[in-house]
Amino acid sequence: RLQVTHILQMSDKLRVDLLLDYLRE
């Protein structure tokens, strides 16, 4: 949950999409 909170406030779309892929795993 803390990681999700951090990810959704980021400004780098490429990194955000990458990290969302990790969350899907």
PDB file of all heavy atoms in Angstrom:
ATOM      1  N   ARG A   1       0.835  -1.207   0.000  1.00  0.00           N
ATOM      2  CA  ARG A   1       0.000   0.000   0.000  1.00  0.00           C
ATOM      3  C   ARG A   1       0.869   1.256   0.000  1.00  0.00           C
ATOM      4  O   ARG A   1       0.579   2.236  -0.719  1.00  0.00           O
ATOM      5  CB  ARG A   1      -0.922   0.000   1.224  1.00  0.00           C
ATOM      6  CG  ARG A   1      -2.048  -1.040   1.169  1.00  0.00           C
ATOM      7  CD  ARG A   1      -2.969  -0.909   2.365  1.00  0.00           C
ATOM      8  NE  ARG A   1      -4.039  -1.906   2.331  1.00  0.00           N
ATOM      9  CZ  ARG A   1      -4.145  -2.925   3.171  1.00  0.00           C
ATOM     10  NH1 ARG A   1      -3.247  -3.089   4.155  1.00  0.00           N
ATOM     11  NH2 ARG A   1      -5.145  -3.792   3.061  1.00  0.00           N
ATOM     12  N   LEU A   2       1.931   1.257   0.793  1.00  0.00           N
ATOM     13  CA  LEU A   2       2.841   2.409   0.801  1.00  0.00           C
ATOM     14  C   LEU A   2       3.487   2.601  -0.561  1.00  0.00           C
ATOM     15  O   LEU A   2       3.657   3.739  -1.030  1.00  0.00           O
ATOM     16  CB  LEU A   2       3.919   2.211   1.868  1.00  0.00           C
ATOM     17  CG  LEU A   2       3.472   2.370   3.329  1.00  0.00           C
ATOM     18  CD1 LEU A   2       4.616   2.001   4.280  1.00  0.00           C
ATOM     19  CD2 LEU A   2       3.024   3.817   3.593  1.00  0.00           C
ATOM     20  N   GLN A   3       3.838   1.488  -1.200  1.00  0.00           N
ATOM     21  CA  GLN A   3       4.450   1.586  -2.530  1.00  0.00           C
ATOM     22  C   GLN A   3       3.441   2.120  -3.555  1.00  0.00           C
ATOM     23  O   GLN A   3       3.797   2.939  -4.419  1.00  0.00           O
ATOM     24  CB  GLN A   3       4.987   0.214  -2.956  1.00  0.00           C
ATOM     25  CG  GLN A   3       6.198  -0.230  -2.145  1.00  0.00           C
ATOM     26  CD  GLN A   3       6.778  -1.545  -2.644  1.00  0.00           C
ATOM     27  OE1 GLN A   3       6.071  -2.370  -3.224  1.00  0.00           O
ATOM     28  NE2 GLN A   3       8.068  -1.744  -2.421  1.00  0.00           N
ATOM     29  N   VAL A   4       2.190   1.657  -3.478  1.00  0.00           N
ATOM     30  CA  VAL A   4       1.154   2.161  -4.378  1.00  0.00           C
ATOM     31  C   VAL A   4       0.989   3.667  -4.191  1.00  0.00           C
ATOM     32  O   VAL A   4       0.892   4.432  -5.179  1.00  0.00           O
ATOM     33  CB  VAL A   4      -0.182   1.427  -4.132  1.00  0.00           C
ATOM     34  CG1 VAL A   4      -1.319   2.127  -4.886  1.00  0.00           C
ATOM     35  CG2 VAL A   4      -0.086  -0.026  -4.558  1.00  0.00           C
ATOM     36  N   THR A   5       0.948   4.117  -2.950  1.00  0.00           N
ATOM     37  CA  THR A   5       0.811   5.549  -2.656  1.00  0.00           C
ATOM     38  C   THR A   5       1.949   6.345  -3.279  1.00  0.00           C
ATOM     39  O   THR A   5       1.734   7.431  -3.850  1.00  0.00           O
ATOM     40  CB  THR A   5       0.783   5.771  -1.134  1.00  0.00           C
ATOM     41  OG1 THR A   5      -0.298   5.029  -0.571  1.00  0.00           O
ATOM     42  CG2 THR A   5       0.611   7.242  -0.804  1.00  0.00           C
ATOM     43  N   HIS A   6       3.147   5.819  -3.195  1.00  0.00           N
ATOM     44  CA  HIS A   6       4.315   6.504  -3.763  1.00  0.00           C
ATOM     45  C   HIS A   6       4.257   6.499  -5.297  1.00  0.00           C
ATOM     46  O   HIS A   6       4.508   7.515  -5.943  1.00  0.00           O
ATOM     47  CB  HIS A   6       5.591   5.815  -3.276  1.00  0.00           C
ATOM     48  CG  HIS A   6       6.833   6.603  -3.525  1.00  0.00           C
ATOM     49  ND1 HIS A   6       7.967   6.473  -2.769  1.00  0.00           N
ATOM     50  CD2 HIS A   6       7.136   7.548  -4.456  1.00  0.00           C
ATOM     51  CE1 HIS A   6       8.905   7.282  -3.223  1.00  0.00           C
ATOM     52  NE2 HIS A   6       8.416   7.951  -4.259  1.00  0.00           N
ATOM     53  N   ILE A   7       3.917   5.362  -5.873  1.00  0.00           N
ATOM     54  CA  ILE A   7       3.916   5.221  -7.338  1.00  0.00           C
ATOM     55  C   ILE A   7       2.904   6.172  -7.981  1.00  0.00           C
ATOM     56  O   ILE A   7       3.205   6.828  -8.996  1.00  0.00           O
ATOM     57  CB  ILE A   7       3.616   3.754  -7.721  1.00  0.00           C
ATOM     58  CG1 ILE A   7       4.779   2.841  -7.320  1.00  0.00           C
ATOM     59  CG2 ILE A   7       3.338   3.628  -9.221  1.00  0.00           C
ATOM     60  CD1 ILE A   7       4.462   1.355  -7.410  1.00  0.00           C
ATOM     61  N   LEU A   8       1.697   6.254  -7.416  1.00  0.00           N
ATOM     62  CA  LEU A   8       0.646   7.058  -8.040  1.00  0.00           C
ATOM     63  C   LEU A   8       0.873   8.563  -7.917  1.00  0.00           C
ATOM     64  O   LEU A   8       0.123   9.352  -8.476  1.00  0.00           O
ATOM     65  CB  LEU A   8      -0.710   6.685  -7.436  1.00  0.00           C
ATOM     66  CG  LEU A   8      -1.184   5.247  -7.726  1.00  0.00           C
ATOM     67  CD1 LEU A   8      -2.574   5.015  -7.161  1.00  0.00           C
ATOM     68  CD2 LEU A   8      -1.168   4.947  -9.227  1.00  0.00           C
ATOM     69  N   GLN A   9       1.918   8.963  -7.214  1.00  0.00           N
ATOM     70  CA  GLN A   9       2.257  10.390  -7.120  1.00  0.00           C
ATOM     71  C   GLN A   9       3.469  10.746  -7.967  1.00  0.00           C
ATOM     72  O   GLN A   9       3.909  11.896  -7.969  1.00  0.00           O
ATOM     73  CB  GLN A   9       2.545  10.763  -5.656  1.00  0.00           C
ATOM     74  CG  GLN A   9       1.354  10.616  -4.725  1.00  0.00           C
ATOM     75  CD  GLN A   9       1.698  11.001  -3.305  1.00  0.00           C
ATOM     76  OE1 GLN A   9       1.893  12.184  -2.990  1.00  0.00           O
ATOM     77  NE2 GLN A   9       1.760  10.010  -2.427  1.00  0.00           N
ATOM     78  N   MET A  10       3.990   9.789  -8.713  1.00  0.00           N
ATOM     79  CA  MET A  10       5.190  10.034  -9.516  1.00  0.00           C
ATOM     80  C   MET A  10       4.849  10.755 -10.813  1.00  0.00           C
ATOM     81  O   MET A  10       3.718  10.691 -11.305  1.00  0.00           O
ATOM     82  CB  MET A  10       5.888   8.706  -9.826  1.00  0.00           C
ATOM     83  CG  MET A  10       6.485   8.016  -8.602  1.00  0.00           C
ATOM     84  SD  MET A  10       7.122   6.374  -8.983  1.00  0.00           S
ATOM     85  CE  MET A  10       8.405   6.781 -10.179  1.00  0.00           C
ATOM     86  N   SER A  11       5.876  11.429 -11.375  1.00  0.00           N
ATOM     87  CA  SER A  11       5.684  12.213 -12.598  1.00  0.00           C
ATOM     88  C   SER A  11       6.323  11.569 -13.826  1.00  0.00           C
ATOM     89  O   SER A  11       6.205  12.094 -14.926  1.00  0.00           O
ATOM     90  CB  SER A  11       6.276  13.626 -12.415  1.00  0.00           C
ATOM     91  OG  SER A  11       5.651  14.291 -11.341  1.00  0.00           O
ATOM     92  N   ASP A  12       7.033  10.448 -13.635  1.00  0.00           N
ATOM     93  CA  ASP A  12       7.712   9.758 -14.735  1.00  0.00           C
ATOM     94  C   ASP A  12       6.821   8.618 -15.214  1.00  0.00           C
ATOM     95  O   ASP A  12       6.735   7.566 -14.570  1.00  0.00           O
ATOM     96  CB  ASP A  12       9.066   9.224 -14.256  1.00  0.00           C
ATOM     97  CG  ASP A  12       9.894   8.633 -15.387  1.00  0.00           C
ATOM     98  OD1 ASP A  12       9.315   8.273 -16.428  1.00  0.00           O
ATOM     99  OD2 ASP A  12      11.121   8.511 -15.222  1.00  0.00           O
ATOM    100  N   LYS A  13       6.130   8.813 -16.359  1.00  0.00           N
ATOM    101  CA  LYS A  13       5.145   7.831 -16.819  1.00  0.00           C
ATOM    102  C   LYS A  13       5.770   6.466 -17.119  1.00  0.00           C
ATOM    103  O   LYS A  13       5.184   5.423 -16.797  1.00  0.00           O
ATOM    104  CB  LYS A  13       4.433   8.349 -18.074  1.00  0.00           C
ATOM    105  CG  LYS A  13       3.288   7.428 -18.539  1.00  0.00           C
ATOM    106  CD  LYS A  13       2.565   8.013 -19.736  1.00  0.00           C
ATOM    107  CE  LYS A  13       1.329   7.185 -20.081  1.00  0.00           C
ATOM    108  NZ  LYS A  13       1.641   5.788 -20.356  1.00  0.00           N
ATOM    109  N   LEU A  14       6.958   6.446 -17.714  1.00  0.00           N
ATOM    110  CA  LEU A  14       7.588   5.180 -18.046  1.00  0.00           C
ATOM    111  C   LEU A  14       7.868   4.359 -16.796  1.00  0.00           C
ATOM    112  O   LEU A  14       7.601   3.156 -16.750  1.00  0.00           O
ATOM    113  CB  LEU A  14       8.893   5.432 -18.816  1.00  0.00           C
ATOM    114  CG  LEU A  14       8.737   5.966 -20.245  1.00  0.00           C
ATOM    115  CD1 LEU A  14      10.097   6.243 -20.864  1.00  0.00           C
ATOM    116  CD2 LEU A  14       7.958   4.968 -21.110  1.00  0.00           C
ATOM    117  N   ARG A  15       8.368   5.023 -15.764  1.00  0.00           N
ATOM    118  CA  ARG A  15       8.668   4.311 -14.524  1.00  0.00           C
ATOM    119  C   ARG A  15       7.383   3.881 -13.811  1.00  0.00           C
ATOM    120  O   ARG A  15       7.306   2.803 -13.237  1.00  0.00           O
ATOM    121  CB  ARG A  15       9.530   5.180 -13.604  1.00  0.00           C
ATOM    122  CG  ARG A  15      10.933   5.436 -14.147  1.00  0.00           C
ATOM    123  CD  ARG A  15      11.715   6.337 -13.224  1.00  0.00           C
ATOM    124  NE  ARG A  15      12.074   5.659 -11.990  1.00  0.00           N
ATOM    125  CZ  ARG A  15      12.507   6.293 -10.902  1.00  0.00           C
ATOM    126  NH1 ARG A  15      12.571   7.623 -10.888  1.00  0.00           N
ATOM    127  NH2 ARG A  15      12.848   5.617  -9.821  1.00  0.00           N
ATOM    128  N   VAL A  16       6.378   4.750 -13.864  1.00  0.00           N
ATOM    129  CA  VAL A  16       5.107   4.409 -13.220  1.00  0.00           C
ATOM    130  C   VAL A  16       4.502   3.172 -13.885  1.00  0.00           C
ATOM    131  O   VAL A  16       4.047   2.246 -13.201  1.00  0.00           O
ATOM    132  CB  VAL A  16       4.129   5.594 -13.284  1.00  0.00           C
ATOM    133  CG1 VAL A  16       2.737   5.165 -12.823  1.00  0.00           C
ATOM    134  CG2 VAL A  16       4.624   6.746 -12.430  1.00  0.00           C
ATOM    135  N   ASP A  17       4.489   3.143 -15.209  1.00  0.00           N
ATOM    136  CA  ASP A  17       3.916   1.992 -15.911  1.00  0.00           C
ATOM    137  C   ASP A  17       4.715   0.714 -15.614  1.00  0.00           C
ATOM    138  O   ASP A  17       4.138  -0.376 -15.476  1.00  0.00           O
ATOM    139  CB  ASP A  17       3.902   2.254 -17.422  1.00  0.00           C
ATOM    140  CG  ASP A  17       2.872   3.317 -17.802  1.00  0.00           C
ATOM    141  OD1 ASP A  17       2.018   3.623 -16.950  1.00  0.00           O
ATOM    142  OD2 ASP A  17       2.933   3.830 -18.931  1.00  0.00           O
ATOM    143  N   LEU A  18       6.030   0.864 -15.513  1.00  0.00           N
ATOM    144  CA  LEU A  18       6.869  -0.286 -15.186  1.00  0.00           C
ATOM    145  C   LEU A  18       6.529  -0.827 -13.795  1.00  0.00           C
ATOM    146  O   LEU A  18       6.374  -2.040 -13.602  1.00  0.00           O
ATOM    147  CB  LEU A  18       8.348   0.115 -15.255  1.00  0.00           C
ATOM    148  CG  LEU A  18       9.366  -0.956 -14.851  1.00  0.00           C
ATOM    149  CD1 LEU A  18       9.332  -2.114 -15.833  1.00  0.00           C
ATOM    150  CD2 LEU A  18      10.772  -0.355 -14.774  1.00  0.00           C
ATOM    151  N   LEU A  19       6.395   0.081 -12.841  1.00  0.00           N
ATOM    152  CA  LEU A  19       6.110  -0.331 -11.466  1.00  0.00           C
ATOM    153  C   LEU A  19       4.700  -0.910 -11.339  1.00  0.00           C
ATOM    154  O   LEU A  19       4.469  -1.829 -10.547  1.00  0.00           O
ATOM    155  CB  LEU A  19       6.289   0.851 -10.515  1.00  0.00           C
ATOM    156  CG  LEU A  19       7.736   1.385 -10.431  1.00  0.00           C
ATOM    157  CD1 LEU A  19       7.806   2.602  -9.532  1.00  0.00           C
ATOM    158  CD2 LEU A  19       8.685   0.309  -9.924  1.00  0.00           C
ATOM    159  N   LEU A  20       3.753  -0.397 -12.135  1.00  0.00           N
ATOM    160  CA  LEU A  20       2.415  -0.992 -12.129  1.00  0.00           C
ATOM    161  C   LEU A  20       2.449  -2.415 -12.674  1.00  0.00           C
ATOM    162  O   LEU A  20       1.696  -3.280 -12.216  1.00  0.00           O
ATOM    163  CB  LEU A  20       1.454  -0.130 -12.963  1.00  0.00           C
ATOM    164  CG  LEU A  20       1.015   1.196 -12.328  1.00  0.00           C
ATOM    165  CD1 LEU A  20       0.166   2.001 -13.301  1.00  0.00           C
ATOM    166  CD2 LEU A  20       0.248   0.958 -11.024  1.00  0.00           C
ATOM    167  N   ASP A  21       3.335  -2.659 -13.637  1.00  0.00           N
ATOM    168  CA  ASP A  21       3.505  -4.029 -14.133  1.00  0.00           C
ATOM    169  C   ASP A  21       4.017  -4.954 -13.025  1.00  0.00           C
ATOM    170  O   ASP A  21       3.599  -6.115 -12.930  1.00  0.00           O
ATOM    171  CB  ASP A  21       4.473  -4.048 -15.316  1.00  0.00           C
ATOM    172  CG  ASP A  21       3.849  -3.515 -16.587  1.00  0.00           C
ATOM    173  OD1 ASP A  21       2.601  -3.496 -16.673  1.00  0.00           O
ATOM    174  OD2 ASP A  21       4.598  -3.106 -17.501  1.00  0.00           O
ATOM    175  N   TYR A  22       4.925  -4.439 -12.201  1.00  0.00           N
ATOM    176  CA  TYR A  22       5.416  -5.233 -11.078  1.00  0.00           C
ATOM    177  C   TYR A  22       4.280  -5.547 -10.109  1.00  0.00           C
ATOM    178  O   TYR A  22       4.182  -6.664  -9.581  1.00  0.00           O
ATOM    179  CB  TYR A  22       6.528  -4.492 -10.328  1.00  0.00           C
ATOM    180  CG  TYR A  22       7.796  -4.282 -11.121  1.00  0.00           C
ATOM    181  CD1 TYR A  22       8.709  -3.292 -10.766  1.00  0.00           C
ATOM    182  CD2 TYR A  22       8.109  -5.071 -12.226  1.00  0.00           C
ATOM    183  CE1 TYR A  22       9.879  -3.087 -11.477  1.00  0.00           C
ATOM    184  CE2 TYR A  22       9.264  -4.876 -12.946  1.00  0.00           C
ATOM    185  CZ  TYR A  22      10.152  -3.874 -12.569  1.00  0.00           C
ATOM    186  OH  TYR A  22      11.299  -3.674 -13.281  1.00  0.00           O
ATOM    187  N   LEU A  23       3.417  -4.559  -9.861  1.00  0.00           N
ATOM    188  CA  LEU A  23       2.280  -4.773  -8.962  1.00  0.00           C
ATOM    189  C   LEU A  23       1.334  -5.833  -9.517  1.00  0.00           C
ATOM    190  O   LEU A  23       0.739  -6.613  -8.764  1.00  0.00           O
ATOM    191  CB  LEU A  23       1.532  -3.457  -8.734  1.00  0.00           C
ATOM    192  CG  LEU A  23       2.266  -2.405  -7.881  1.00  0.00           C
ATOM    193  CD1 LEU A  23       1.492  -1.092  -7.868  1.00  0.00           C
ATOM    194  CD2 LEU A  23       2.461  -2.912  -6.449  1.00  0.00           C
ATOM    195  N   ARG A  24       1.181  -5.868 -10.833  1.00  0.00           N
ATOM    196  CA  ARG A  24       0.341  -6.899 -11.441  1.00  0.00           C
ATOM    197  C   ARG A  24       0.889  -8.300 -11.166  1.00  0.00           C
ATOM    198  O   ARG A  24       0.131  -9.263 -11.067  1.00  0.00           O
ATOM    199  CB  ARG A  24       0.228  -6.665 -12.954  1.00  0.00           C
ATOM    200  CG  ARG A  24      -0.589  -5.435 -13.346  1.00  0.00           C
ATOM    201  CD  ARG A  24      -0.764  -5.340 -14.855  1.00  0.00           C
ATOM    202  NE  ARG A  24      -1.556  -4.177 -15.227  1.00  0.00           N
ATOM    203  CZ  ARG A  24      -1.039  -2.989 -15.555  1.00  0.00           C
ATOM    204  NH1 ARG A  24       0.290  -2.835 -15.574  1.00  0.00           N
ATOM    205  NH2 ARG A  24      -1.816  -1.982 -15.873  1.00  0.00           N
ATOM    206  N   GLU A  25       2.220  -8.404 -11.067  1.00  0.00           N
ATOM    207  CA  GLU A  25       2.829  -9.700 -10.771  1.00  0.00           C
ATOM    208  C   GLU A  25       2.595 -10.109  -9.321  1.00  0.00           C
ATOM    209  O   GLU A  25       2.590 -11.302  -9.002  1.00  0.00           O
ATOM    210  CB  GLU A  25       4.345  -9.649 -11.048  1.00  0.00           C
ATOM    211  CG  GLU A  25       4.723  -9.384 -12.494  1.00  0.00           C
ATOM    212  CD  GLU A  25       4.330 -10.528 -13.411  1.00  0.00           C
ATOM    213  OE1 GLU A  25       4.165 -11.658 -12.908  1.00  0.00           O
ATOM    214  OE2 GLU A  25       4.177 -10.300 -14.620  1.00  0.00           O
TER     215      GLU A  25
END
